[in-house]
Structures are given as structure tokens and as C-alpha cells.
Amino acid sequence: MEEETRCFALRLIEPILTEFKREVAQRRANGSTEAEIEAMLSRIETTNRRVMDADQLQYFMSLFREAARAP
């Protein structure tokens, strides 16, 4: 994916990533394990695999995985 496209995509998804980070933090605070967080990421990837370009999905999933990293 070209750099300009990546920047545009990041601007679009930034609000979603912010909410996703909050959700992951809340789940951890409520006792979710890393395996459960990983399962959530896998569901996101599986669901979107059918509707997204593979390169775009790979990029977005890297952003979600980074956002889900334990502090």
C-alpha cells in the first residue's frame, strides 16, 4: 500500500482505533485474558477477510494488533 494511502486510511480509522483501545482496556480490567483478546482480533480479521482487500486488511489488522498490545 502506498504511503499516501496508508496516511489516508489511518486518518479514517483513528477514531475506531481510539474506541478499540478503550474496549480492550475495559475487557482487561474486567478480567479478559490475552487469549480472549487475540480471539477478538481473530474474529475481526475473519469477518473482514470477505469484504476487504488483502493488503488493506493486513494493514488495518496490524493497527488493531498494535492497539491491543498489553501496556
C-alpha atoms as a PDB file:
ATOM      1  CA  MET A   1       0.000   0.000   0.000  1.00  0.00           C
ATOM      2  CA  GLU A   2       1.358   3.425  -0.913  1.00  0.00           C
ATOM      3  CA  GLU A   3       2.341   5.821   1.865  1.00  0.00           C
ATOM      4  CA  GLU A   4      -0.295   8.390   0.888  1.00  0.00           C
ATOM      5  CA  THR A   5      -2.964   5.685   1.013  1.00  0.00           C
ATOM      6  CA  ARG A   6      -1.699   4.499   4.400  1.00  0.00           C
ATOM      7  CA  CYS A   7      -1.912   8.022   5.823  1.00  0.00           C
ATOM      8  CA  PHE A   8      -5.438   8.446   4.488  1.00  0.00           C
ATOM      9  CA  ALA A   9      -6.510   5.069   5.877  1.00  0.00           C
ATOM     10  CA  LEU A  10      -5.001   5.873   9.265  1.00  0.00           C
ATOM     11  CA  ARG A  11      -6.902   9.169   9.449  1.00  0.00           C
ATOM     12  CA  LEU A  12     -10.128   7.308   8.658  1.00  0.00           C
ATOM     13  CA  ILE A  13      -9.623   4.568  11.214  1.00  0.00           C
ATOM     14  CA  GLU A  14      -8.129   6.682  14.008  1.00  0.00           C
ATOM     15  CA  PRO A  15     -11.464   7.215  15.845  1.00  0.00           C
ATOM     16  CA  ILE A  16     -12.195   3.486  15.592  1.00  0.00           C
ATOM     17  CA  LEU A  17      -8.753   2.647  16.996  1.00  0.00           C
ATOM     18  CA  THR A  18      -9.312   5.017  19.909  1.00  0.00           C
ATOM     19  CA  GLU A  19     -12.563   3.247  20.811  1.00  0.00           C
ATOM     20  CA  PHE A  20     -10.972  -0.149  20.231  1.00  0.00           C
ATOM     21  CA  LYS A  21      -8.168   0.686  22.672  1.00  0.00           C
ATOM     22  CA  ARG A  22     -10.780   1.682  25.268  1.00  0.00           C
ATOM     23  CA  GLU A  23     -12.690  -1.540  24.695  1.00  0.00           C
ATOM     24  CA  VAL A  24      -9.567  -3.687  25.047  1.00  0.00           C
ATOM     25  CA  ALA A  25      -8.565  -1.844  28.232  1.00  0.00           C
ATOM     26  CA  GLN A  26     -12.062  -2.329  29.648  1.00  0.00           C
ATOM     27  CA  ARG A  27     -12.010  -6.032  28.805  1.00  0.00           C
ATOM     28  CA  ARG A  28      -8.647  -6.432  30.506  1.00  0.00           C
ATOM     29  CA  ALA A  29      -9.938  -4.551  33.552  1.00  0.00           C
ATOM     30  CA  ASN A  30     -12.872  -6.979  33.628  1.00  0.00           C
ATOM     31  CA  GLY A  31     -10.535  -9.960  33.577  1.00  0.00           C
ATOM     32  CA  SER A  32     -10.241 -10.901  29.906  1.00  0.00           C
ATOM     33  CA  THR A  33      -7.136 -12.904  29.128  1.00  0.00           C
ATOM     34  CA  GLU A  34      -4.694 -12.226  26.313  1.00  0.00           C
ATOM     35  CA  ALA A  35      -6.084 -15.327  24.598  1.00  0.00           C
ATOM     36  CA  GLU A  36      -9.562 -13.770  24.676  1.00  0.00           C
ATOM     37  CA  ILE A  37      -8.204 -10.510  23.256  1.00  0.00           C
ATOM     38  CA  GLU A  38      -6.461 -12.484  20.499  1.00  0.00           C
ATOM     39  CA  ALA A  39      -9.701 -14.346  19.778  1.00  0.00           C
ATOM     40  CA  MET A  40     -11.466 -10.989  19.393  1.00  0.00           C
ATOM     41  CA  LEU A  41      -8.790  -9.876  16.908  1.00  0.00           C
ATOM     42  CA  SER A  42      -9.167 -13.137  15.003  1.00  0.00           C
ATOM     43  CA  ARG A  43     -12.927 -12.608  14.719  1.00  0.00           C
ATOM     44  CA  ILE A  44     -12.363  -9.093  13.370  1.00  0.00           C
ATOM     45  CA  GLU A  45      -9.923 -10.444  10.796  1.00  0.00           C
ATOM     46  CA  THR A  46     -12.135 -13.367   9.767  1.00  0.00           C
ATOM     47  CA  THR A  47     -15.210 -11.174   9.413  1.00  0.00           C
ATOM     48  CA  ASN A  48     -13.429  -8.603   7.273  1.00  0.00           C
ATOM     49  CA  ARG A  49     -11.461 -11.023   5.114  1.00  0.00           C
ATOM     50  CA  ARG A  50     -14.514 -11.487   2.880  1.00  0.00           C
ATOM     51  CA  VAL A  51     -15.103  -7.796   2.305  1.00  0.00           C
ATOM     52  CA  MET A  52     -11.668  -6.160   2.231  1.00  0.00           C
ATOM     53  CA  ASP A  53      -8.658  -6.130   0.004  1.00  0.00           C
ATOM     54  CA  ALA A  54      -5.985  -8.426   1.487  1.00  0.00           C
ATOM     55  CA  ASP A  55      -3.323  -5.682   1.673  1.00  0.00           C
ATOM     56  CA  GLN A  56      -5.704  -3.254   3.321  1.00  0.00           C
ATOM     57  CA  LEU A  57      -6.854  -5.876   5.800  1.00  0.00           C
ATOM     58  CA  GLN A  58      -3.280  -6.737   6.671  1.00  0.00           C
ATOM     59  CA  TYR A  59      -2.532  -3.055   7.309  1.00  0.00           C
ATOM     60  CA  PHE A  60      -5.656  -2.495   9.404  1.00  0.00           C
ATOM     61  CA  MET A  61      -5.060  -5.652  11.418  1.00  0.00           C
ATOM     62  CA  SER A  62      -1.521  -4.502  12.179  1.00  0.00           C
ATOM     63  CA  LEU A  63      -3.029  -1.301  13.576  1.00  0.00           C
ATOM     64  CA  PHE A  64      -5.582  -3.227  15.646  1.00  0.00           C
ATOM     65  CA  ARG A  65      -2.928  -5.628  16.955  1.00  0.00           C
ATOM     66  CA  GLU A  66      -0.713  -2.711  17.908  1.00  0.00           C
ATOM     67  CA  ALA A  67      -3.642  -1.033  19.659  1.00  0.00           C
ATOM     68  CA  ALA A  68      -4.423  -4.263  21.547  1.00  0.00           C
ATOM     69  CA  ARG A  69      -0.896  -4.770  22.883  1.00  0.00           C
ATOM     70  CA  ALA A  70      -0.772  -5.023  26.635  1.00  0.00           C
ATOM     71  CA  PRO A  71       0.609  -1.870  28.238  1.00  0.00           C
END
